[in-house]
């Protein structure tokens, strides 16, 4: 069982497209997000983090 929740705000269009993509892949959206979060944490652990700080809210 998960012991913490996270609430994020995204554009409705992005959310809808993400949910549709997950449904096409037959995978829960929460699972995709957890896997991505784990990959980011692992990458930072391996590299020590990014070389440049990004401003809050910046996109790649």
PDB file of N, CA and C in Angstrom:
ATOM      1  N   UNK A   1       0.841  -1.174   0.000  1.00  0.00           N
ATOM      2  CA  UNK A   1       0.000   0.000   0.000  1.00  0.00           C
ATOM      3  C   UNK A   1       0.891   1.245   0.000  1.00  0.00           C
ATOM      4  N   UNK A   2       0.450   2.243  -0.696  1.00  0.00           N
ATOM      5  CA  UNK A   2       1.178   3.504  -0.763  1.00  0.00           C
ATOM      6  C   UNK A   2       0.880   4.300   0.497  1.00  0.00           C
ATOM      7  N   UNK A   3       1.874   5.046   0.979  1.00  0.00           N
ATOM      8  CA  UNK A   3       1.669   5.780   2.217  1.00  0.00           C
ATOM      9  C   UNK A   3       1.706   7.294   2.037  1.00  0.00           C
ATOM     10  N   UNK A   4       1.799   7.765   0.804  1.00  0.00           N
ATOM     11  CA  UNK A   4       1.788   9.207   0.565  1.00  0.00           C
ATOM     12  C   UNK A   4       1.110   9.486  -0.769  1.00  0.00           C
ATOM     13  N   UNK A   5       0.490  10.634  -0.842  1.00  0.00           N
ATOM     14  CA  UNK A   5      -0.148  11.045  -2.079  1.00  0.00           C
ATOM     15  C   UNK A   5       0.486  12.319  -2.588  1.00  0.00           C
ATOM     16  N   UNK A   6       0.236  12.604  -3.848  1.00  0.00           N
ATOM     17  CA  UNK A   6       0.761  13.818  -4.453  1.00  0.00           C
ATOM     18  C   UNK A   6      -0.311  14.377  -5.374  1.00  0.00           C
ATOM     19  N   UNK A   7      -0.533  15.646  -5.266  1.00  0.00           N
ATOM     20  CA  UNK A   7      -1.520  16.298  -6.126  1.00  0.00           C
ATOM     21  C   UNK A   7      -0.774  17.298  -6.984  1.00  0.00           C
ATOM     22  N   UNK A   8      -0.956  17.208  -8.295  1.00  0.00           N
ATOM     23  CA  UNK A   8      -0.291  18.134  -9.203  1.00  0.00           C
ATOM     24  C   UNK A   8      -1.330  18.805 -10.088  1.00  0.00           C
ATOM     25  N   UNK A   9      -0.964  19.949 -10.608  1.00  0.00           N
ATOM     26  CA  UNK A   9      -1.854  20.670 -11.508  1.00  0.00           C
ATOM     27  C   UNK A   9      -1.214  20.698 -12.887  1.00  0.00           C
ATOM     28  N   UNK A  10      -1.966  20.252 -13.876  1.00  0.00           N
ATOM     29  CA  UNK A  10      -1.510  20.268 -15.266  1.00  0.00           C
ATOM     30  C   UNK A  10      -2.660  20.756 -16.131  1.00  0.00           C
ATOM     31  N   UNK A  11      -2.326  21.142 -17.331  1.00  0.00           N
ATOM     32  CA  UNK A  11      -3.351  21.581 -18.267  1.00  0.00           C
ATOM     33  C   UNK A  11      -4.296  20.415 -18.559  1.00  0.00           C
ATOM     34  N   UNK A  12      -5.572  20.705 -18.672  1.00  0.00           N
ATOM     35  CA  UNK A  12      -6.586  19.672 -18.924  1.00  0.00           C
ATOM     36  C   UNK A  12      -6.251  18.890 -20.187  1.00  0.00           C
ATOM     37  N   UNK A  13      -5.807  19.573 -21.222  1.00  0.00           N
ATOM     38  CA  UNK A  13      -5.487  18.919 -22.489  1.00  0.00           C
ATOM     39  C   UNK A  13      -4.347  17.900 -22.312  1.00  0.00           C
ATOM     40  N   UNK A  14      -3.323  18.265 -21.553  1.00  0.00           N
ATOM     41  CA  UNK A  14      -2.207  17.360 -21.297  1.00  0.00           C
ATOM     42  C   UNK A  14      -2.668  16.157 -20.492  1.00  0.00           C
ATOM     43  N   UNK A  15      -3.463  16.405 -19.455  1.00  0.00           N
ATOM     44  CA  UNK A  15      -3.976  15.308 -18.633  1.00  0.00           C
ATOM     45  C   UNK A  15      -4.777  14.329 -19.473  1.00  0.00           C
ATOM     46  N   UNK A  16      -5.685  14.851 -20.290  1.00  0.00           N
ATOM     47  CA  UNK A  16      -6.532  13.989 -21.108  1.00  0.00           C
ATOM     48  C   UNK A  16      -5.707  13.166 -22.093  1.00  0.00           C
ATOM     49  N   UNK A  17      -4.711  13.791 -22.713  1.00  0.00           N
ATOM     50  CA  UNK A  17      -3.856  13.080 -23.662  1.00  0.00           C
ATOM     51  C   UNK A  17      -3.037  12.001 -22.948  1.00  0.00           C
ATOM     52  N   UNK A  18      -2.548  12.307 -21.745  1.00  0.00           N
ATOM     53  CA  UNK A  18      -1.771  11.347 -20.968  1.00  0.00           C
ATOM     54  C   UNK A  18      -2.625  10.150 -20.574  1.00  0.00           C
ATOM     55  N   UNK A  19      -3.821  10.404 -20.078  1.00  0.00           N
ATOM     56  CA  UNK A  19      -4.730   9.325 -19.687  1.00  0.00           C
ATOM     57  C   UNK A  19      -5.063   8.454 -20.899  1.00  0.00           C
ATOM     58  N   UNK A  20      -5.326   9.078 -22.038  1.00  0.00           N
ATOM     59  CA  UNK A  20      -5.639   8.325 -23.257  1.00  0.00           C
ATOM     60  C   UNK A  20      -4.455   7.463 -23.684  1.00  0.00           C
ATOM     61  N   UNK A  21      -3.251   8.003 -23.601  1.00  0.00           N
ATOM     62  CA  UNK A  21      -2.054   7.251 -23.976  1.00  0.00           C
ATOM     63  C   UNK A  21      -1.871   6.058 -23.049  1.00  0.00           C
ATOM     64  N   UNK A  22      -2.073   6.257 -21.764  1.00  0.00           N
ATOM     65  CA  UNK A  22      -1.948   5.155 -20.802  1.00  0.00           C
ATOM     66  C   UNK A  22      -2.989   4.080 -21.065  1.00  0.00           C
ATOM     67  N   UNK A  23      -4.199   4.493 -21.403  1.00  0.00           N
ATOM     68  CA  UNK A  23      -5.241   3.521 -21.709  1.00  0.00           C
ATOM     69  C   UNK A  23      -4.876   2.703 -22.942  1.00  0.00           C
ATOM     70  N   UNK A  24      -4.296   3.359 -23.964  1.00  0.00           N
ATOM     71  CA  UNK A  24      -3.872   2.641 -25.169  1.00  0.00           C
ATOM     72  C   UNK A  24      -2.775   1.638 -24.841  1.00  0.00           C
ATOM     73  N   UNK A  25      -1.925   1.980 -23.887  1.00  0.00           N
ATOM     74  CA  UNK A  25      -0.842   1.082 -23.466  1.00  0.00           C
ATOM     75  C   UNK A  25      -1.312   0.058 -22.440  1.00  0.00           C
ATOM     76  N   UNK A  26      -2.565   0.196 -22.003  1.00  0.00           N
ATOM     77  CA  UNK A  26      -3.161  -0.690 -20.994  1.00  0.00           C
ATOM     78  C   UNK A  26      -2.320  -0.708 -19.712  1.00  0.00           C
ATOM     79  N   UNK A  27      -1.948   0.493 -19.260  1.00  0.00           N
ATOM     80  CA  UNK A  27      -1.162   0.637 -18.036  1.00  0.00           C
ATOM     81  C   UNK A  27      -1.750   1.795 -17.234  1.00  0.00           C
ATOM     82  N   UNK A  28      -1.873   1.645 -15.930  1.00  0.00           N
ATOM     83  CA  UNK A  28      -2.425   2.738 -15.121  1.00  0.00           C
ATOM     84  C   UNK A  28      -1.524   3.974 -15.162  1.00  0.00           C
ATOM     85  N   UNK A  29      -2.139   5.138 -15.246  1.00  0.00           N
ATOM     86  CA  UNK A  29      -1.392   6.387 -15.280  1.00  0.00           C
ATOM     87  C   UNK A  29      -0.506   6.535 -14.049  1.00  0.00           C
ATOM     88  N   UNK A  30      -0.997   6.138 -12.898  1.00  0.00           N
ATOM     89  CA  UNK A  30      -0.206   6.242 -11.666  1.00  0.00           C
ATOM     90  C   UNK A  30       1.060   5.407 -11.754  1.00  0.00           C
ATOM     91  N   UNK A  31       0.979   4.252 -12.388  1.00  0.00           N
ATOM     92  CA  UNK A  31       2.158   3.396 -12.536  1.00  0.00           C
ATOM     93  C   UNK A  31       3.200   4.080 -13.420  1.00  0.00           C
ATOM     94  N   UNK A  32       2.760   4.694 -14.498  1.00  0.00           N
ATOM     95  CA  UNK A  32       3.681   5.402 -15.392  1.00  0.00           C
ATOM     96  C   UNK A  32       4.367   6.536 -14.640  1.00  0.00           C
ATOM     97  N   UNK A  33       3.600   7.286 -13.862  1.00  0.00           N
ATOM     98  CA  UNK A  33       4.179   8.392 -13.095  1.00  0.00           C
ATOM     99  C   UNK A  33       5.176   7.892 -12.058  1.00  0.00           C
ATOM    100  N   UNK A  34       4.831   6.812 -11.340  1.00  0.00           N
ATOM    101  CA  UNK A  34       5.762   6.250 -10.350  1.00  0.00           C
ATOM    102  C   UNK A  34       7.052   5.796 -11.008  1.00  0.00           C
ATOM    103  N   UNK A  35       6.951   5.117 -12.164  1.00  0.00           N
ATOM    104  CA  UNK A  35       8.146   4.649 -12.859  1.00  0.00           C
ATOM    105  C   UNK A  35       9.020   5.821 -13.299  1.00  0.00           C
ATOM    106  N   UNK A  36       8.398   6.873 -13.777  1.00  0.00           N
ATOM    107  CA  UNK A  36       9.166   8.052 -14.193  1.00  0.00           C
ATOM    108  C   UNK A  36       9.830   8.713 -12.986  1.00  0.00           C
ATOM    109  N   UNK A  37       9.112   8.803 -11.894  1.00  0.00           N
ATOM    110  CA  UNK A  37       9.686   9.389 -10.677  1.00  0.00           C
ATOM    111  C   UNK A  37      10.901   8.587 -10.219  1.00  0.00           C
ATOM    112  N   UNK A  38      10.796   7.264 -10.240  1.00  0.00           N
ATOM    113  CA  UNK A  38      11.916   6.407  -9.840  1.00  0.00           C
ATOM    114  C   UNK A  38      13.104   6.608 -10.774  1.00  0.00           C
ATOM    115  N   UNK A  39      12.852   6.745 -12.080  1.00  0.00           N
ATOM    116  CA  UNK A  39      13.928   6.947 -13.050  1.00  0.00           C
ATOM    117  C   UNK A  39      14.639   8.271 -12.804  1.00  0.00           C
ATOM    118  N   UNK A  40      13.888   9.318 -12.500  1.00  0.00           N
ATOM    119  CA  UNK A  40      14.488  10.625 -12.229  1.00  0.00           C
ATOM    120  C   UNK A  40      15.338  10.560 -10.978  1.00  0.00           C
ATOM    121  N   UNK A  41      14.821   9.941  -9.928  1.00  0.00           N
ATOM    122  CA  UNK A  41      15.584   9.812  -8.677  1.00  0.00           C
ATOM    123  C   UNK A  41      16.859   9.022  -8.926  1.00  0.00           C
ATOM    124  N   UNK A  42      16.761   7.934  -9.672  1.00  0.00           N
ATOM    125  CA  UNK A  42      17.921   7.101  -9.972  1.00  0.00           C
ATOM    126  C   UNK A  42      18.960   7.878 -10.776  1.00  0.00           C
ATOM    127  N   UNK A  43      18.505   8.640 -11.751  1.00  0.00           N
ATOM    128  CA  UNK A  43      19.417   9.435 -12.589  1.00  0.00           C
ATOM    129  C   UNK A  43      20.158  10.465 -11.746  1.00  0.00           C
ATOM    130  N   UNK A  44      19.452  11.132 -10.868  1.00  0.00           N
ATOM    131  CA  UNK A  44      20.080  12.142 -10.006  1.00  0.00           C
ATOM    132  C   UNK A  44      21.062  11.466  -9.059  1.00  0.00           C
ATOM    133  N   UNK A  45      20.703  10.311  -8.532  1.00  0.00           N
ATOM    134  CA  UNK A  45      21.604   9.572  -7.641  1.00  0.00           C
ATOM    135  C   UNK A  45      22.890   9.188  -8.360  1.00  0.00           C
ATOM    136  N   UNK A  46      22.780   8.804  -9.638  1.00  0.00           N
ATOM    137  CA  UNK A  46      23.943   8.381 -10.415  1.00  0.00           C
ATOM    138  C   UNK A  46      24.823   9.549 -10.826  1.00  0.00           C
ATOM    139  N   UNK A  47      24.221  10.665 -11.182  1.00  0.00           N
ATOM    140  CA  UNK A  47      24.981  11.788 -11.739  1.00  0.00           C
ATOM    141  C   UNK A  47      25.264  12.876 -10.725  1.00  0.00           C
ATOM    142  N   UNK A  48      24.599  12.828  -9.598  1.00  0.00           N
ATOM    143  CA  UNK A  48      24.751  13.902  -8.623  1.00  0.00           C
ATOM    144  C   UNK A  48      23.860  15.084  -8.913  1.00  0.00           C
ATOM    145  N   UNK A  49      23.025  14.995  -9.925  1.00  0.00           N
ATOM    146  CA  UNK A  49      22.084  16.056 -10.228  1.00  0.00           C
ATOM    147  C   UNK A  49      22.463  16.829 -11.473  1.00  0.00           C
ATOM    148  N   UNK A  50      21.612  17.741 -11.867  1.00  0.00           N
ATOM    149  CA  UNK A  50      21.859  18.530 -13.079  1.00  0.00           C
ATOM    150  C   UNK A  50      23.005  19.515 -12.872  1.00  0.00           C
ATOM    151  N   UNK A  51      23.608  19.920 -13.970  1.00  0.00           N
ATOM    152  CA  UNK A  51      24.711  20.873 -13.883  1.00  0.00           C
ATOM    153  C   UNK A  51      24.196  22.301 -13.768  1.00  0.00           C
ATOM    154  N   UNK A  52      22.968  22.541 -14.199  1.00  0.00           N
ATOM    155  CA  UNK A  52      22.377  23.868 -14.107  1.00  0.00           C
ATOM    156  C   UNK A  52      21.049  23.769 -13.369  1.00  0.00           C
ATOM    157  N   UNK A  53      20.780  24.744 -12.538  1.00  0.00           N
ATOM    158  CA  UNK A  53      19.479  24.792 -11.868  1.00  0.00           C
ATOM    159  C   UNK A  53      18.469  25.402 -12.824  1.00  0.00           C
ATOM    160  N   UNK A  54      17.276  24.832 -12.833  1.00  0.00           N
ATOM    161  CA  UNK A  54      16.197  25.393 -13.641  1.00  0.00           C
ATOM    162  C   UNK A  54      15.301  26.211 -12.741  1.00  0.00           C
ATOM    163  N   UNK A  55      14.716  27.222 -13.313  1.00  0.00           N
ATOM    164  CA  UNK A  55      13.761  28.021 -12.551  1.00  0.00           C
ATOM    165  C   UNK A  55      12.507  27.210 -12.317  1.00  0.00           C
ATOM    166  N   UNK A  56      11.870  27.458 -11.186  1.00  0.00           N
ATOM    167  CA  UNK A  56      10.615  26.787 -10.843  1.00  0.00           C
ATOM    168  C   UNK A  56       9.620  26.980 -11.975  1.00  0.00           C
ATOM    169  N   UNK A  57       9.027  25.882 -12.409  1.00  0.00           N
ATOM    170  CA  UNK A  57       8.010  25.957 -13.452  1.00  0.00           C
ATOM    171  C   UNK A  57       8.568  25.872 -14.857  1.00  0.00           C
ATOM    172  N   UNK A  58       9.892  25.816 -15.008  1.00  0.00           N
ATOM    173  CA  UNK A  58      10.483  25.740 -16.333  1.00  0.00           C
ATOM    174  C   UNK A  58      10.202  24.374 -16.935  1.00  0.00           C
ATOM    175  N   UNK A  59      10.099  24.332 -18.240  1.00  0.00           N
ATOM    176  CA  UNK A  59       9.899  23.068 -18.934  1.00  0.00           C
ATOM    177  C   UNK A  59      11.122  22.757 -19.772  1.00  0.00           C
ATOM    178  N   UNK A  60      11.221  21.507 -20.111  1.00  0.00           N
ATOM    179  CA  UNK A  60      12.372  21.085 -20.925  1.00  0.00           C
ATOM    180  C   UNK A  60      12.114  21.237 -22.379  1.00  0.00           C
TER     181      UNK A  60
END
